[in-house]
Amino acid sequence: MENSELRDMSDEQLGLTLDETKQNLFRLRIQAQTERLDAPSELRRHRRLVARIKTMQRERAVVAAKAAEKGETAESAS
């Protein structure tokens, strides 16, 4: 999944994708422990996807906080 696809998702979709990716990562880790993992690169891919999603969620939270802060300062100045 590319960054542009993630950026186009809503907050709810990002959360669902994060949950799904975490579950898949858990399953892959179990498979790796039982030595039945076919593609070890999948672990890295899922870890990086989780990191990308969390980064985008954090970016959106920061932007929302700044927007709320600007709105509050504009209201208090009036």
N, C-alpha and C. Protein backbone atom coordinates (compact mmCIF):
# COMPACT_ATOMS: atom_id res chain seq x y z
N MET A 1 0.85 -1.17 0.00
CA MET A 1 0.00 0.00 0.00
C MET A 1 0.89 1.24 0.00
N GLU A 2 0.59 2.16 -0.87
CA GLU A 2 1.40 3.35 -1.02
C GLU A 2 0.91 4.48 -0.12
N ASN A 3 1.79 5.45 0.10
CA ASN A 3 1.43 6.58 0.95
C ASN A 3 0.24 7.35 0.40
N SER A 4 0.16 7.49 -0.91
CA SER A 4 -0.95 8.23 -1.49
C SER A 4 -2.28 7.54 -1.21
N GLU A 5 -2.28 6.21 -1.22
CA GLU A 5 -3.50 5.47 -0.89
C GLU A 5 -3.88 5.70 0.57
N LEU A 6 -2.90 5.71 1.43
CA LEU A 6 -3.17 5.93 2.86
C LEU A 6 -3.68 7.34 3.11
N ARG A 7 -3.10 8.32 2.42
CA ARG A 7 -3.52 9.72 2.61
C ARG A 7 -4.96 9.94 2.15
N ASP A 8 -5.41 9.16 1.17
CA ASP A 8 -6.77 9.30 0.66
C ASP A 8 -7.81 8.68 1.59
N MET A 9 -7.37 7.87 2.54
CA MET A 9 -8.31 7.20 3.46
C MET A 9 -8.80 8.16 4.53
N SER A 10 -10.00 7.89 5.02
CA SER A 10 -10.52 8.67 6.13
C SER A 10 -9.87 8.18 7.42
N ASP A 11 -10.10 8.91 8.50
CA ASP A 11 -9.54 8.51 9.80
C ASP A 11 -10.04 7.13 10.22
N GLU A 12 -11.31 6.88 9.96
CA GLU A 12 -11.89 5.59 10.33
C GLU A 12 -11.27 4.45 9.52
N GLN A 13 -11.10 4.68 8.23
CA GLN A 13 -10.49 3.66 7.37
C GLN A 13 -9.05 3.39 7.79
N LEU A 14 -8.32 4.46 8.16
CA LEU A 14 -6.94 4.27 8.62
C LEU A 14 -6.91 3.42 9.88
N GLY A 15 -7.83 3.68 10.80
CA GLY A 15 -7.90 2.90 12.02
C GLY A 15 -8.18 1.43 11.75
N LEU A 16 -9.11 1.18 10.85
CA LEU A 16 -9.43 -0.21 10.50
C LEU A 16 -8.26 -0.91 9.81
N THR A 17 -7.59 -0.18 8.93
CA THR A 17 -6.42 -0.74 8.26
C THR A 17 -5.31 -1.03 9.26
N LEU A 18 -5.15 -0.15 10.23
CA LEU A 18 -4.14 -0.36 11.27
C LEU A 18 -4.45 -1.61 12.08
N ASP A 19 -5.70 -1.77 12.48
CA ASP A 19 -6.09 -2.96 13.24
C ASP A 19 -5.85 -4.24 12.44
N GLU A 20 -6.24 -4.21 11.19
CA GLU A 20 -6.08 -5.38 10.33
C GLU A 20 -4.59 -5.71 10.14
N THR A 21 -3.78 -4.69 9.94
CA THR A 21 -2.35 -4.90 9.73
C THR A 21 -1.69 -5.44 11.00
N LYS A 22 -2.11 -4.94 12.15
CA LYS A 22 -1.57 -5.45 13.41
C LYS A 22 -1.92 -6.92 13.61
N GLN A 23 -3.14 -7.29 13.26
CA GLN A 23 -3.54 -8.70 13.38
C GLN A 23 -2.72 -9.57 12.45
N ASN A 24 -2.51 -9.11 11.23
CA ASN A 24 -1.69 -9.87 10.28
C ASN A 24 -0.25 -9.99 10.77
N LEU A 25 0.27 -8.92 11.33
CA LEU A 25 1.62 -8.95 11.87
C LEU A 25 1.74 -9.95 13.00
N PHE A 26 0.73 -9.99 13.86
CA PHE A 26 0.72 -10.96 14.96
C PHE A 26 0.75 -12.39 14.41
N ARG A 27 -0.09 -12.65 13.42
CA ARG A 27 -0.11 -13.99 12.81
C ARG A 27 1.23 -14.36 12.19
N LEU A 28 1.85 -13.38 11.53
CA LEU A 28 3.16 -13.63 10.92
C LEU A 28 4.22 -13.93 11.97
N ARG A 29 4.15 -13.22 13.09
CA ARG A 29 5.11 -13.48 14.17
C ARG A 29 4.94 -14.88 14.74
N ILE A 30 3.70 -15.32 14.87
CA ILE A 30 3.44 -16.68 15.36
C ILE A 30 4.00 -17.69 14.36
N GLN A 31 3.76 -17.45 13.08
CA GLN A 31 4.28 -18.35 12.06
C GLN A 31 5.81 -18.37 12.07
N ALA A 32 6.42 -17.22 12.31
CA ALA A 32 7.88 -17.16 12.35
C ALA A 32 8.42 -17.96 13.53
N GLN A 33 7.71 -17.94 14.65
CA GLN A 33 8.15 -18.68 15.82
C GLN A 33 8.02 -20.18 15.63
N THR A 34 7.03 -20.59 14.87
CA THR A 34 6.83 -22.02 14.63
C THR A 34 7.56 -22.48 13.37
N GLU A 35 8.37 -21.59 12.80
CA GLU A 35 9.21 -21.88 11.64
C GLU A 35 8.40 -22.30 10.41
N ARG A 36 7.24 -21.70 10.23
CA ARG A 36 6.44 -22.00 9.05
C ARG A 36 6.24 -20.76 8.19
N LEU A 37 7.06 -19.76 8.38
CA LEU A 37 6.90 -18.51 7.64
C LEU A 37 7.55 -18.64 6.27
N ASP A 38 6.76 -18.44 5.22
CA ASP A 38 7.25 -18.60 3.85
C ASP A 38 8.08 -17.39 3.40
N ALA A 39 7.60 -16.20 3.71
CA ALA A 39 8.27 -14.98 3.25
C ALA A 39 8.59 -14.09 4.45
N PRO A 40 9.80 -14.17 4.96
CA PRO A 40 10.17 -13.34 6.11
C PRO A 40 10.09 -11.84 5.83
N SER A 41 10.14 -11.45 4.57
CA SER A 41 10.04 -10.04 4.22
C SER A 41 8.66 -9.47 4.56
N GLU A 42 7.67 -10.33 4.70
CA GLU A 42 6.32 -9.87 5.05
C GLU A 42 6.30 -9.21 6.43
N LEU A 43 7.13 -9.71 7.35
CA LEU A 43 7.21 -9.11 8.68
C LEU A 43 7.62 -7.64 8.57
N ARG A 44 8.68 -7.40 7.82
CA ARG A 44 9.17 -6.04 7.65
C ARG A 44 8.12 -5.16 6.96
N ARG A 45 7.48 -5.70 5.94
CA ARG A 45 6.48 -4.93 5.19
C ARG A 45 5.33 -4.50 6.10
N HIS A 46 4.86 -5.41 6.94
CA HIS A 46 3.75 -5.10 7.84
C HIS A 46 4.18 -4.13 8.95
N ARG A 47 5.38 -4.30 9.47
CA ARG A 47 5.87 -3.38 10.50
C ARG A 47 5.95 -1.96 9.94
N ARG A 48 6.44 -1.85 8.73
CA ARG A 48 6.58 -0.53 8.12
C ARG A 48 5.22 0.09 7.79
N LEU A 49 4.27 -0.75 7.40
CA LEU A 49 2.93 -0.25 7.13
C LEU A 49 2.28 0.27 8.41
N VAL A 50 2.47 -0.44 9.52
CA VAL A 50 1.94 0.03 10.81
C VAL A 50 2.56 1.38 11.14
N ALA A 51 3.86 1.51 10.95
CA ALA A 51 4.55 2.77 11.24
C ALA A 51 4.03 3.90 10.35
N ARG A 52 3.82 3.62 9.06
CA ARG A 52 3.29 4.63 8.15
C ARG A 52 1.91 5.11 8.57
N ILE A 53 1.05 4.17 8.93
CA ILE A 53 -0.31 4.53 9.33
C ILE A 53 -0.29 5.36 10.60
N LYS A 54 0.51 4.95 11.58
CA LYS A 54 0.59 5.70 12.83
C LYS A 54 1.14 7.11 12.59
N THR A 55 2.09 7.23 11.68
CA THR A 55 2.65 8.54 11.35
C THR A 55 1.58 9.44 10.75
N MET A 56 0.79 8.90 9.86
CA MET A 56 -0.27 9.70 9.24
C MET A 56 -1.34 10.10 10.26
N GLN A 57 -1.67 9.20 11.16
CA GLN A 57 -2.64 9.52 12.20
C GLN A 57 -2.10 10.64 13.08
N ARG A 58 -0.83 10.58 13.41
CA ARG A 58 -0.21 11.62 14.24
C ARG A 58 -0.17 12.95 13.50
N GLU A 59 0.17 12.93 12.22
CA GLU A 59 0.18 14.17 11.43
C GLU A 59 -1.19 14.82 11.43
N ARG A 60 -2.22 14.00 11.25
CA ARG A 60 -3.59 14.54 11.23
C ARG A 60 -3.97 15.10 12.59
N ALA A 61 -3.55 14.46 13.66
CA ALA A 61 -3.86 14.94 15.00
C ALA A 61 -3.17 16.28 15.26
N VAL A 62 -1.94 16.43 14.81
CA VAL A 62 -1.21 17.68 14.99
C VAL A 62 -1.88 18.80 14.20
N VAL A 63 -2.27 18.52 12.97
CA VAL A 63 -2.94 19.53 12.15
C VAL A 63 -4.26 19.94 12.80
N ALA A 64 -5.01 18.97 13.30
CA ALA A 64 -6.29 19.28 13.95
C ALA A 64 -6.07 20.11 15.21
N ALA A 65 -5.03 19.79 15.97
CA ALA A 65 -4.75 20.54 17.19
C ALA A 65 -4.36 21.98 16.85
N LYS A 66 -3.57 22.16 15.81
CA LYS A 66 -3.18 23.51 15.41
C LYS A 66 -4.39 24.30 14.93
N ALA A 67 -5.27 23.64 14.19
CA ALA A 67 -6.47 24.31 13.69
C ALA A 67 -7.37 24.71 14.86
N ALA A 68 -7.49 23.82 15.84
CA ALA A 68 -8.31 24.13 17.01
C ALA A 68 -7.69 25.27 17.81
N GLU A 69 -6.37 25.27 17.90
CA GLU A 69 -5.68 26.33 18.64
C GLU A 69 -5.86 27.68 17.97
N LYS A 70 -5.77 27.70 16.64
CA LYS A 70 -5.98 28.94 15.91
C LYS A 70 -7.41 29.42 16.06
N GLY A 71 -8.34 28.50 16.06
CA GLY A 71 -9.75 28.86 16.23
C GLY A 71 -10.01 29.43 17.60
N GLU A 72 -9.39 28.86 18.63
CA GLU A 72 -9.56 29.37 19.98
C GLU A 72 -8.94 30.75 20.15
N THR A 73 -7.77 30.97 19.60
CA THR A 73 -7.13 32.28 19.74
C THR A 73 -7.90 33.34 18.97
N ALA A 74 -8.49 32.98 17.84
CA ALA A 74 -9.28 33.94 17.07
C ALA A 74 -10.56 34.29 17.83
N GLU A 75 -11.16 33.30 18.50
CA GLU A 75 -12.38 33.56 19.26
C GLU A 75 -12.09 34.40 20.50
N SER A 76 -10.96 34.14 21.17
CA SER A 76 -10.64 34.88 22.38
C SER A 76 -10.24 36.32 22.07
N ALA A 77 -9.74 36.57 20.86
CA ALA A 77 -9.35 37.92 20.46
C ALA A 77 -10.59 38.76 20.15
N SER A 78 -11.69 38.14 19.80
CA SER A 78 -12.91 38.89 19.44
C SER A 78 -13.60 39.46 20.63
